[in-house]
Amino acid sequence: MIVASVGDGTGTAGHNDGSDLVDLAQRVLEPVRILLEYFGAPLLTVATSHSHIQVAPWAPDLVVQAEINDALAARYGLARALREARLHGGAVCALLARRWPANGTPPIIGVVTDGVGMAVSGGHPCALTADWLIDHVAGRAKVDMILPFGRAAAMLIEPATSVAGRH
């Protein structure tokens, strides 16, 4: 589980992974804000699964929607934002994947962002499921903050820890 090994020296992550993680997370935010605004979404998930990077907005009722595909992005002038969200979001997920033991890496690792902050959950790493948010609000899983959420999203989820802040 990611929570036990994030930045505390027990995982496989290198010493600078905390600052690298924050830097990568910040790079994701600009293209994500464009996508959030276009879709009128309060949250967006970027997740990796077997080298495939998915970007999925959340509906206003806080349910994860279908992945944004290339054709849709191109049609509405969002191709660059989607490409950059995949590029930098995929790098965040790849760096997070290194924090699990090699034989224990989940098949899907995702982050949730509101365009201001970003979170990951070691206990519920697939941020694409309908129950991801419910499990966190109900306290069945804890979220680790990479960057603090903005005010609206912060009211939904109480973070367990700050991922990047631990060394």
N, C-alpha and C. Protein backbone atom coordinates (compact mmCIF):
# COMPACT_ATOMS: atom_id res chain seq x y z
N MET A 1 0.84 -1.18 0.00
CA MET A 1 0.00 0.00 0.00
C MET A 1 0.88 1.24 0.00
N ILE A 2 0.52 2.21 -0.72
CA ILE A 2 1.33 3.41 -0.90
C ILE A 2 1.55 4.18 0.41
N VAL A 3 0.57 4.22 1.27
CA VAL A 3 0.65 5.03 2.48
C VAL A 3 1.83 4.63 3.35
N ALA A 4 2.12 3.34 3.41
CA ALA A 4 3.20 2.85 4.26
C ALA A 4 4.58 3.21 3.72
N SER A 5 4.68 3.46 2.43
CA SER A 5 6.02 3.65 1.88
C SER A 5 6.28 5.02 1.28
N VAL A 6 5.31 5.86 1.23
CA VAL A 6 5.49 7.16 0.58
C VAL A 6 6.46 8.01 1.36
N GLY A 7 7.60 8.27 0.75
CA GLY A 7 8.55 9.24 1.26
C GLY A 7 9.13 8.96 2.64
N ASP A 8 8.89 7.77 3.20
CA ASP A 8 9.41 7.54 4.55
C ASP A 8 10.68 6.70 4.53
N GLY A 9 11.21 6.46 3.36
CA GLY A 9 12.47 5.75 3.25
C GLY A 9 12.31 4.24 3.18
N THR A 10 11.11 3.72 3.30
CA THR A 10 10.92 2.27 3.25
C THR A 10 10.56 1.77 1.87
N GLY A 11 10.17 2.67 0.97
CA GLY A 11 9.78 2.27 -0.38
C GLY A 11 10.96 2.33 -1.33
N THR A 12 10.68 2.18 -2.60
CA THR A 12 11.74 2.20 -3.60
C THR A 12 11.95 3.59 -4.18
N ALA A 13 11.18 4.55 -3.74
CA ALA A 13 11.29 5.90 -4.28
C ALA A 13 12.60 6.54 -3.84
N GLY A 14 13.16 7.34 -4.73
CA GLY A 14 14.40 8.04 -4.43
C GLY A 14 14.18 9.23 -3.52
N HIS A 15 15.26 9.83 -3.06
CA HIS A 15 15.20 10.94 -2.11
C HIS A 15 14.46 12.14 -2.65
N ASN A 16 14.60 12.45 -3.92
CA ASN A 16 13.98 13.64 -4.49
C ASN A 16 12.57 13.40 -5.01
N ASP A 17 12.02 12.21 -4.82
CA ASP A 17 10.71 11.91 -5.38
C ASP A 17 9.62 12.83 -4.87
N GLY A 18 9.70 13.31 -3.64
CA GLY A 18 8.68 14.22 -3.12
C GLY A 18 8.64 15.51 -3.91
N SER A 19 9.79 16.13 -4.14
CA SER A 19 9.82 17.38 -4.90
C SER A 19 9.53 17.12 -6.37
N ASP A 20 9.99 15.99 -6.91
CA ASP A 20 9.68 15.64 -8.29
C ASP A 20 8.18 15.45 -8.45
N LEU A 21 7.56 14.83 -7.49
CA LEU A 21 6.12 14.58 -7.54
C LEU A 21 5.34 15.89 -7.54
N VAL A 22 5.72 16.81 -6.70
CA VAL A 22 5.05 18.11 -6.65
C VAL A 22 5.24 18.86 -7.97
N ASP A 23 6.47 18.83 -8.50
CA ASP A 23 6.75 19.50 -9.76
C ASP A 23 5.90 18.92 -10.89
N LEU A 24 5.85 17.60 -10.98
CA LEU A 24 5.03 16.96 -12.02
C LEU A 24 3.55 17.26 -11.82
N ALA A 25 3.09 17.22 -10.59
CA ALA A 25 1.68 17.50 -10.30
C ALA A 25 1.32 18.91 -10.73
N GLN A 26 2.20 19.86 -10.47
CA GLN A 26 1.93 21.24 -10.87
C GLN A 26 1.84 21.39 -12.38
N ARG A 27 2.61 20.60 -13.12
CA ARG A 27 2.56 20.65 -14.58
C ARG A 27 1.23 20.14 -15.13
N VAL A 28 0.58 19.28 -14.41
CA VAL A 28 -0.71 18.72 -14.84
C VAL A 28 -1.83 19.74 -14.71
N LEU A 29 -1.72 20.65 -13.76
CA LEU A 29 -2.84 21.50 -13.40
C LEU A 29 -3.34 22.42 -14.51
N GLU A 30 -2.44 23.02 -15.28
CA GLU A 30 -2.91 23.95 -16.32
C GLU A 30 -3.77 23.26 -17.37
N PRO A 31 -3.30 22.15 -17.97
CA PRO A 31 -4.19 21.49 -18.94
C PRO A 31 -5.45 20.93 -18.30
N VAL A 32 -5.36 20.50 -17.07
CA VAL A 32 -6.53 19.97 -16.37
C VAL A 32 -7.58 21.06 -16.19
N ARG A 33 -7.16 22.27 -15.84
CA ARG A 33 -8.12 23.37 -15.66
C ARG A 33 -8.90 23.64 -16.95
N ILE A 34 -8.23 23.53 -18.08
CA ILE A 34 -8.90 23.72 -19.38
C ILE A 34 -9.97 22.65 -19.56
N LEU A 35 -9.63 21.41 -19.27
CA LEU A 35 -10.58 20.30 -19.42
C LEU A 35 -11.72 20.40 -18.42
N LEU A 36 -11.41 20.76 -17.19
CA LEU A 36 -12.45 20.91 -16.17
C LEU A 36 -13.45 21.99 -16.59
N GLU A 37 -12.94 23.11 -17.08
CA GLU A 37 -13.82 24.20 -17.48
C GLU A 37 -14.71 23.78 -18.65
N TYR A 38 -14.11 23.15 -19.65
CA TYR A 38 -14.89 22.76 -20.83
C TYR A 38 -16.02 21.80 -20.45
N PHE A 39 -15.71 20.81 -19.62
CA PHE A 39 -16.70 19.79 -19.26
C PHE A 39 -17.58 20.20 -18.08
N GLY A 40 -17.30 21.34 -17.47
CA GLY A 40 -18.07 21.77 -16.31
C GLY A 40 -17.95 20.78 -15.17
N ALA A 41 -16.77 20.20 -15.06
CA ALA A 41 -16.53 19.13 -14.09
C ALA A 41 -15.87 19.68 -12.83
N PRO A 42 -16.28 19.18 -11.66
CA PRO A 42 -15.64 19.61 -10.42
C PRO A 42 -14.30 18.91 -10.17
N LEU A 43 -14.15 17.70 -10.71
CA LEU A 43 -12.94 16.90 -10.52
C LEU A 43 -12.59 16.21 -11.82
N LEU A 44 -11.34 15.76 -11.91
CA LEU A 44 -10.89 15.02 -13.06
C LEU A 44 -9.91 13.96 -12.57
N THR A 45 -9.99 12.77 -13.15
CA THR A 45 -9.07 11.68 -12.82
C THR A 45 -8.12 11.45 -13.98
N VAL A 46 -6.84 11.28 -13.65
CA VAL A 46 -5.85 10.80 -14.61
C VAL A 46 -5.36 9.47 -14.04
N ALA A 47 -5.46 8.41 -14.84
CA ALA A 47 -5.08 7.08 -14.37
C ALA A 47 -4.31 6.33 -15.44
N THR A 48 -3.40 5.47 -14.99
CA THR A 48 -2.63 4.63 -15.90
C THR A 48 -2.98 3.17 -15.67
N SER A 49 -3.05 2.45 -16.77
CA SER A 49 -3.32 1.02 -16.74
C SER A 49 -2.59 0.39 -17.91
N HIS A 50 -1.54 -0.39 -17.61
CA HIS A 50 -0.81 -1.08 -18.67
C HIS A 50 -0.42 -0.13 -19.80
N SER A 51 0.22 0.95 -19.48
CA SER A 51 0.72 1.96 -20.42
C SER A 51 -0.36 2.80 -21.09
N HIS A 52 -1.61 2.57 -20.76
CA HIS A 52 -2.70 3.40 -21.28
C HIS A 52 -3.03 4.48 -20.25
N ILE A 53 -3.05 5.72 -20.67
CA ILE A 53 -3.34 6.82 -19.76
C ILE A 53 -4.74 7.32 -20.05
N GLN A 54 -5.59 7.27 -19.03
CA GLN A 54 -6.97 7.69 -19.15
C GLN A 54 -7.17 9.03 -18.45
N VAL A 55 -7.96 9.89 -19.06
CA VAL A 55 -8.33 11.16 -18.45
C VAL A 55 -9.86 11.20 -18.46
N ALA A 56 -10.44 11.30 -17.28
CA ALA A 56 -11.89 11.24 -17.17
C ALA A 56 -12.41 12.32 -16.24
N PRO A 57 -13.33 13.15 -16.73
CA PRO A 57 -13.93 14.18 -15.87
C PRO A 57 -15.01 13.57 -14.97
N TRP A 58 -15.32 14.26 -13.90
CA TRP A 58 -16.40 13.88 -13.01
C TRP A 58 -17.59 14.79 -13.31
N ALA A 59 -18.78 14.22 -13.30
CA ALA A 59 -19.99 15.02 -13.50
C ALA A 59 -20.26 15.85 -12.24
N PRO A 60 -21.08 16.88 -12.35
CA PRO A 60 -21.42 17.69 -11.17
C PRO A 60 -22.02 16.87 -10.01
N ASP A 61 -22.61 15.70 -10.32
CA ASP A 61 -23.14 14.85 -9.25
C ASP A 61 -22.05 13.94 -8.67
N LEU A 62 -20.78 14.23 -9.02
CA LEU A 62 -19.59 13.57 -8.49
C LEU A 62 -19.49 12.09 -8.85
N VAL A 63 -19.83 11.79 -10.09
CA VAL A 63 -19.67 10.45 -10.65
C VAL A 63 -18.66 10.56 -11.79
N VAL A 64 -17.68 9.65 -11.81
CA VAL A 64 -16.68 9.66 -12.88
C VAL A 64 -17.36 9.33 -14.20
N GLN A 65 -17.04 10.12 -15.22
CA GLN A 65 -17.62 9.95 -16.55
C GLN A 65 -16.67 9.13 -17.43
N ALA A 66 -17.08 8.93 -18.67
CA ALA A 66 -16.26 8.20 -19.63
C ALA A 66 -14.97 8.95 -19.92
N GLU A 67 -13.98 8.21 -20.30
CA GLU A 67 -12.68 8.76 -20.67
C GLU A 67 -12.83 9.76 -21.82
N ILE A 68 -12.06 10.83 -21.77
CA ILE A 68 -12.02 11.79 -22.87
C ILE A 68 -11.18 11.16 -23.98
N ASN A 69 -11.75 11.01 -25.15
CA ASN A 69 -11.00 10.38 -26.24
C ASN A 69 -10.41 11.43 -27.18
N ASP A 70 -9.49 10.98 -28.01
CA ASP A 70 -8.78 11.88 -28.92
C ASP A 70 -9.71 12.58 -29.90
N ALA A 71 -10.69 11.85 -30.42
CA ALA A 71 -11.60 12.45 -31.40
C ALA A 71 -12.41 13.59 -30.78
N LEU A 72 -12.92 13.38 -29.59
CA LEU A 72 -13.68 14.43 -28.91
C LEU A 72 -12.79 15.63 -28.63
N ALA A 73 -11.59 15.36 -28.13
CA ALA A 73 -10.65 16.44 -27.82
C ALA A 73 -10.32 17.25 -29.08
N ALA A 74 -10.07 16.58 -30.18
CA ALA A 74 -9.74 17.27 -31.43
C ALA A 74 -10.93 18.10 -31.93
N ARG A 75 -12.10 17.54 -31.82
CA ARG A 75 -13.32 18.20 -32.31
C ARG A 75 -13.57 19.54 -31.61
N TYR A 76 -13.24 19.59 -30.31
CA TYR A 76 -13.55 20.79 -29.52
C TYR A 76 -12.32 21.59 -29.13
N GLY A 77 -11.21 21.38 -29.83
CA GLY A 77 -10.01 22.17 -29.59
C GLY A 77 -9.32 21.87 -28.27
N LEU A 78 -9.47 20.65 -27.79
CA LEU A 78 -8.90 20.26 -26.49
C LEU A 78 -7.73 19.28 -26.64
N ALA A 79 -7.28 19.06 -27.86
CA ALA A 79 -6.24 18.04 -28.10
C ALA A 79 -4.97 18.31 -27.31
N ARG A 80 -4.53 19.58 -27.31
CA ARG A 80 -3.28 19.90 -26.60
C ARG A 80 -3.46 19.72 -25.09
N ALA A 81 -4.57 20.18 -24.55
CA ALA A 81 -4.82 20.02 -23.11
C ALA A 81 -4.87 18.54 -22.73
N LEU A 82 -5.54 17.73 -23.55
CA LEU A 82 -5.61 16.29 -23.26
C LEU A 82 -4.24 15.65 -23.35
N ARG A 83 -3.48 15.99 -24.39
CA ARG A 83 -2.13 15.44 -24.56
C ARG A 83 -1.25 15.79 -23.36
N GLU A 84 -1.29 17.05 -22.91
CA GLU A 84 -0.46 17.47 -21.78
C GLU A 84 -0.94 16.85 -20.47
N ALA A 85 -2.25 16.72 -20.29
CA ALA A 85 -2.78 16.06 -19.08
C ALA A 85 -2.33 14.61 -19.04
N ARG A 86 -2.36 13.94 -20.19
CA ARG A 86 -1.88 12.55 -20.25
C ARG A 86 -0.38 12.47 -19.98
N LEU A 87 0.39 13.34 -20.62
CA LEU A 87 1.84 13.32 -20.49
C LEU A 87 2.26 13.52 -19.04
N HIS A 88 1.83 14.62 -18.45
CA HIS A 88 2.27 14.94 -17.10
C HIS A 88 1.54 14.10 -16.05
N GLY A 89 0.26 13.83 -16.27
CA GLY A 89 -0.47 12.97 -15.34
C GLY A 89 0.05 11.55 -15.35
N GLY A 90 0.41 11.07 -16.54
CA GLY A 90 1.01 9.74 -16.64
C GLY A 90 2.34 9.67 -15.90
N ALA A 91 3.12 10.75 -15.98
CA ALA A 91 4.40 10.79 -15.26
C ALA A 91 4.17 10.77 -13.75
N VAL A 92 3.14 11.48 -13.28
CA VAL A 92 2.81 11.44 -11.84
C VAL A 92 2.46 10.02 -11.44
N CYS A 93 1.60 9.37 -12.21
CA CYS A 93 1.19 8.00 -11.88
C CYS A 93 2.37 7.03 -11.92
N ALA A 94 3.27 7.21 -12.90
CA ALA A 94 4.45 6.35 -12.99
C ALA A 94 5.35 6.52 -11.77
N LEU A 95 5.52 7.75 -11.33
CA LEU A 95 6.33 8.00 -10.14
C LEU A 95 5.66 7.40 -8.90
N LEU A 96 4.36 7.52 -8.82
CA LEU A 96 3.63 6.91 -7.69
C LEU A 96 3.74 5.39 -7.72
N ALA A 97 3.71 4.79 -8.90
CA ALA A 97 3.79 3.34 -9.03
C ALA A 97 5.09 2.80 -8.44
N ARG A 98 6.15 3.58 -8.49
CA ARG A 98 7.44 3.15 -7.93
C ARG A 98 7.39 3.02 -6.41
N ARG A 99 6.37 3.55 -5.79
CA ARG A 99 6.27 3.54 -4.34
C ARG A 99 5.61 2.28 -3.80
N TRP A 100 5.12 1.44 -4.66
CA TRP A 100 4.61 0.13 -4.25
C TRP A 100 5.71 -0.89 -4.50
N PRO A 101 5.69 -2.00 -3.78
CA PRO A 101 6.65 -3.07 -4.09
C PRO A 101 6.41 -3.56 -5.53
N ALA A 102 7.46 -4.00 -6.21
CA ALA A 102 7.35 -4.42 -7.61
C ALA A 102 6.25 -5.45 -7.82
N ASN A 103 6.09 -6.36 -6.90
CA ASN A 103 5.07 -7.40 -7.06
C ASN A 103 3.72 -7.00 -6.48
N GLY A 104 3.59 -5.77 -6.02
CA GLY A 104 2.35 -5.32 -5.42
C GLY A 104 1.75 -4.08 -6.05
N THR A 105 2.29 -3.69 -7.20
CA THR A 105 1.77 -2.50 -7.89
C THR A 105 0.36 -2.77 -8.40
N PRO A 106 -0.59 -1.91 -8.07
CA PRO A 106 -1.96 -2.10 -8.55
C PRO A 106 -2.04 -2.01 -10.08
N PRO A 107 -3.02 -2.67 -10.69
CA PRO A 107 -3.14 -2.62 -12.15
C PRO A 107 -3.51 -1.23 -12.67
N ILE A 108 -4.20 -0.44 -11.85
CA ILE A 108 -4.56 0.93 -12.23
C ILE A 108 -4.19 1.85 -11.08
N ILE A 109 -3.45 2.89 -11.40
CA ILE A 109 -3.10 3.91 -10.41
C ILE A 109 -3.60 5.24 -10.96
N GLY A 110 -4.36 5.95 -10.16
CA GLY A 110 -4.89 7.21 -10.62
C GLY A 110 -4.79 8.31 -9.58
N VAL A 111 -4.86 9.53 -10.06
CA VAL A 111 -4.89 10.70 -9.19
C VAL A 111 -6.18 11.47 -9.50
N VAL A 112 -6.67 12.16 -8.51
CA VAL A 112 -7.85 13.00 -8.67
C VAL A 112 -7.41 14.44 -8.44
N THR A 113 -7.89 15.33 -9.31
CA THR A 113 -7.53 16.74 -9.19
C THR A 113 -8.76 17.63 -9.39
N ASP A 114 -8.71 18.76 -8.74
CA ASP A 114 -9.75 19.78 -8.93
C ASP A 114 -9.20 20.97 -9.72
N GLY A 115 -8.00 20.82 -10.27
CA GLY A 115 -7.35 21.89 -11.01
C GLY A 115 -6.51 22.78 -10.12
N VAL A 116 -6.61 22.59 -8.82
CA VAL A 116 -5.80 23.33 -7.85
C VAL A 116 -4.88 22.37 -7.12
N GLY A 117 -5.44 21.27 -6.65
CA GLY A 117 -4.69 20.28 -5.90
C GLY A 117 -4.79 18.92 -6.56
N MET A 118 -4.14 17.93 -5.92
CA MET A 118 -4.13 16.58 -6.47
C MET A 118 -3.99 15.59 -5.33
N ALA A 119 -4.72 14.47 -5.44
CA ALA A 119 -4.69 13.45 -4.40
C ALA A 119 -4.57 12.06 -5.01
N VAL A 120 -4.03 11.17 -4.21
CA VAL A 120 -3.92 9.75 -4.54
C VAL A 120 -4.38 8.98 -3.31
N SER A 121 -4.77 7.75 -3.51
CA SER A 121 -5.20 6.93 -2.38
C SER A 121 -4.53 5.57 -2.44
N GLY A 122 -3.69 5.28 -1.48
CA GLY A 122 -3.03 3.98 -1.42
C GLY A 122 -4.00 2.85 -1.20
N GLY A 123 -5.05 3.10 -0.44
CA GLY A 123 -6.04 2.08 -0.16
C GLY A 123 -7.06 1.90 -1.25
N HIS A 124 -7.11 2.82 -2.18
CA HIS A 124 -8.09 2.79 -3.29
C HIS A 124 -7.43 3.46 -4.50
N PRO A 125 -6.37 2.83 -5.05
CA PRO A 125 -5.56 3.50 -6.07
C PRO A 125 -6.24 3.74 -7.41
N CYS A 126 -7.29 2.98 -7.73
CA CYS A 126 -7.98 3.20 -9.00
C CYS A 126 -9.01 4.30 -8.80
N ALA A 127 -8.65 5.49 -9.23
CA ALA A 127 -9.53 6.65 -9.02
C ALA A 127 -10.57 6.79 -10.13
N LEU A 128 -10.88 5.68 -10.79
CA LEU A 128 -11.86 5.68 -11.86
C LEU A 128 -13.18 5.02 -11.47
N THR A 129 -13.26 4.48 -10.29
CA THR A 129 -14.46 3.75 -9.90
C THR A 129 -15.51 4.68 -9.31
N ALA A 130 -16.76 4.29 -9.45
CA ALA A 130 -17.87 5.11 -8.96
C ALA A 130 -17.84 5.31 -7.45
N ASP A 131 -17.26 4.36 -6.74
CA ASP A 131 -17.28 4.45 -5.28
C ASP A 131 -16.02 5.08 -4.69
N TRP A 132 -15.11 5.59 -5.52
CA TRP A 132 -13.87 6.16 -5.02
C TRP A 132 -14.15 7.29 -4.02
N LEU A 133 -14.93 8.26 -4.43
CA LEU A 133 -15.21 9.40 -3.57
C LEU A 133 -16.03 8.99 -2.35
N ILE A 134 -17.01 8.14 -2.55
CA ILE A 134 -17.86 7.68 -1.44
C ILE A 134 -17.01 6.98 -0.38
N ASP A 135 -16.09 6.13 -0.80
CA ASP A 135 -15.23 5.43 0.15
C ASP A 135 -14.37 6.39 0.97
N HIS A 136 -13.96 7.48 0.36
CA HIS A 136 -13.13 8.45 1.07
C HIS A 136 -13.97 9.33 2.00
N VAL A 137 -15.10 9.76 1.53
CA VAL A 137 -15.97 10.58 2.38
C VAL A 137 -16.45 9.78 3.58
N ALA A 138 -16.73 8.49 3.36
CA ALA A 138 -17.22 7.61 4.43
C ALA A 138 -16.11 7.15 5.37
N GLY A 139 -14.86 7.44 5.02
CA GLY A 139 -13.75 7.07 5.88
C GLY A 139 -13.26 5.64 5.68
N ARG A 140 -13.73 4.95 4.63
CA ARG A 140 -13.29 3.58 4.36
C ARG A 140 -11.91 3.57 3.70
N ALA A 141 -11.48 4.69 3.19
CA ALA A 141 -10.16 4.84 2.58
C ALA A 141 -9.67 6.25 2.90
N LYS A 142 -8.38 6.39 2.93
CA LYS A 142 -7.76 7.69 3.21
C LYS A 142 -7.10 8.22 1.95
N VAL A 143 -7.16 9.51 1.79
CA VAL A 143 -6.54 10.16 0.65
C VAL A 143 -5.22 10.80 1.09
N ASP A 144 -4.24 10.73 0.22
CA ASP A 144 -2.96 11.39 0.45
C ASP A 144 -2.86 12.55 -0.53
N MET A 145 -2.60 13.73 -0.02
CA MET A 145 -2.54 14.92 -0.85
C MET A 145 -1.14 15.09 -1.44
N ILE A 146 -1.09 15.29 -2.73
CA ILE A 146 0.16 15.65 -3.40
C ILE A 146 0.26 17.18 -3.37
N LEU A 147 -0.85 17.82 -3.73
CA LEU A 147 -1.02 19.27 -3.61
C LEU A 147 -2.39 19.49 -2.97
N PRO A 148 -2.54 20.46 -2.08
CA PRO A 148 -3.84 20.67 -1.42
C PRO A 148 -4.93 21.08 -2.42
N PHE A 149 -6.10 20.50 -2.24
CA PHE A 149 -7.26 20.85 -3.06
C PHE A 149 -7.67 22.29 -2.80
N GLY A 150 -8.38 22.86 -3.77
CA GLY A 150 -9.02 24.14 -3.57
C GLY A 150 -10.14 23.99 -2.57
N ARG A 151 -10.74 25.07 -2.20
CA ARG A 151 -11.73 25.08 -1.12
C ARG A 151 -12.91 24.13 -1.35
N ALA A 152 -13.49 24.14 -2.54
CA ALA A 152 -14.68 23.32 -2.80
C ALA A 152 -14.38 21.83 -2.66
N ALA A 153 -13.29 21.37 -3.27
CA ALA A 153 -12.95 19.94 -3.19
C ALA A 153 -12.45 19.57 -1.81
N ALA A 154 -11.76 20.49 -1.14
CA ALA A 154 -11.23 20.19 0.20
C ALA A 154 -12.35 19.89 1.18
N MET A 155 -13.51 20.45 0.96
CA MET A 155 -14.63 20.20 1.86
C MET A 155 -15.17 18.78 1.70
N LEU A 156 -14.87 18.13 0.59
CA LEU A 156 -15.35 16.77 0.35
C LEU A 156 -14.51 15.71 1.03
N ILE A 157 -13.20 15.91 1.02
CA ILE A 157 -12.29 14.86 1.45
C ILE A 157 -11.31 15.40 2.47
N GLU A 158 -11.20 14.70 3.58
CA GLU A 158 -10.21 15.05 4.59
C GLU A 158 -8.96 14.22 4.33
N PRO A 159 -7.84 14.88 4.05
CA PRO A 159 -6.62 14.12 3.73
C PRO A 159 -6.04 13.40 4.94
N ALA A 160 -5.46 12.24 4.67
CA ALA A 160 -4.76 11.50 5.72
C ALA A 160 -3.37 12.09 5.91
N THR A 161 -2.72 12.39 4.80
CA THR A 161 -1.34 12.89 4.83
C THR A 161 -1.04 13.72 3.60
N SER A 162 0.12 14.32 3.63
CA SER A 162 0.66 14.99 2.45
C SER A 162 1.73 14.07 1.87
N VAL A 163 1.53 13.58 0.66
CA VAL A 163 2.45 12.63 0.05
C VAL A 163 3.81 13.23 -0.16
N ALA A 164 3.87 14.38 -0.75
CA ALA A 164 5.15 14.96 -1.14
C ALA A 164 5.91 15.52 0.05
N GLY A 165 5.24 15.82 1.12
CA GLY A 165 5.89 16.45 2.26
C GLY A 165 6.70 15.54 3.13
N ARG A 166 6.54 14.23 3.01
CA ARG A 166 7.29 13.30 3.85
C ARG A 166 8.62 12.95 3.23
N HIS A 167 9.64 12.82 4.05
CA HIS A 167 10.98 12.44 3.54
C HIS A 167 11.48 11.22 4.27
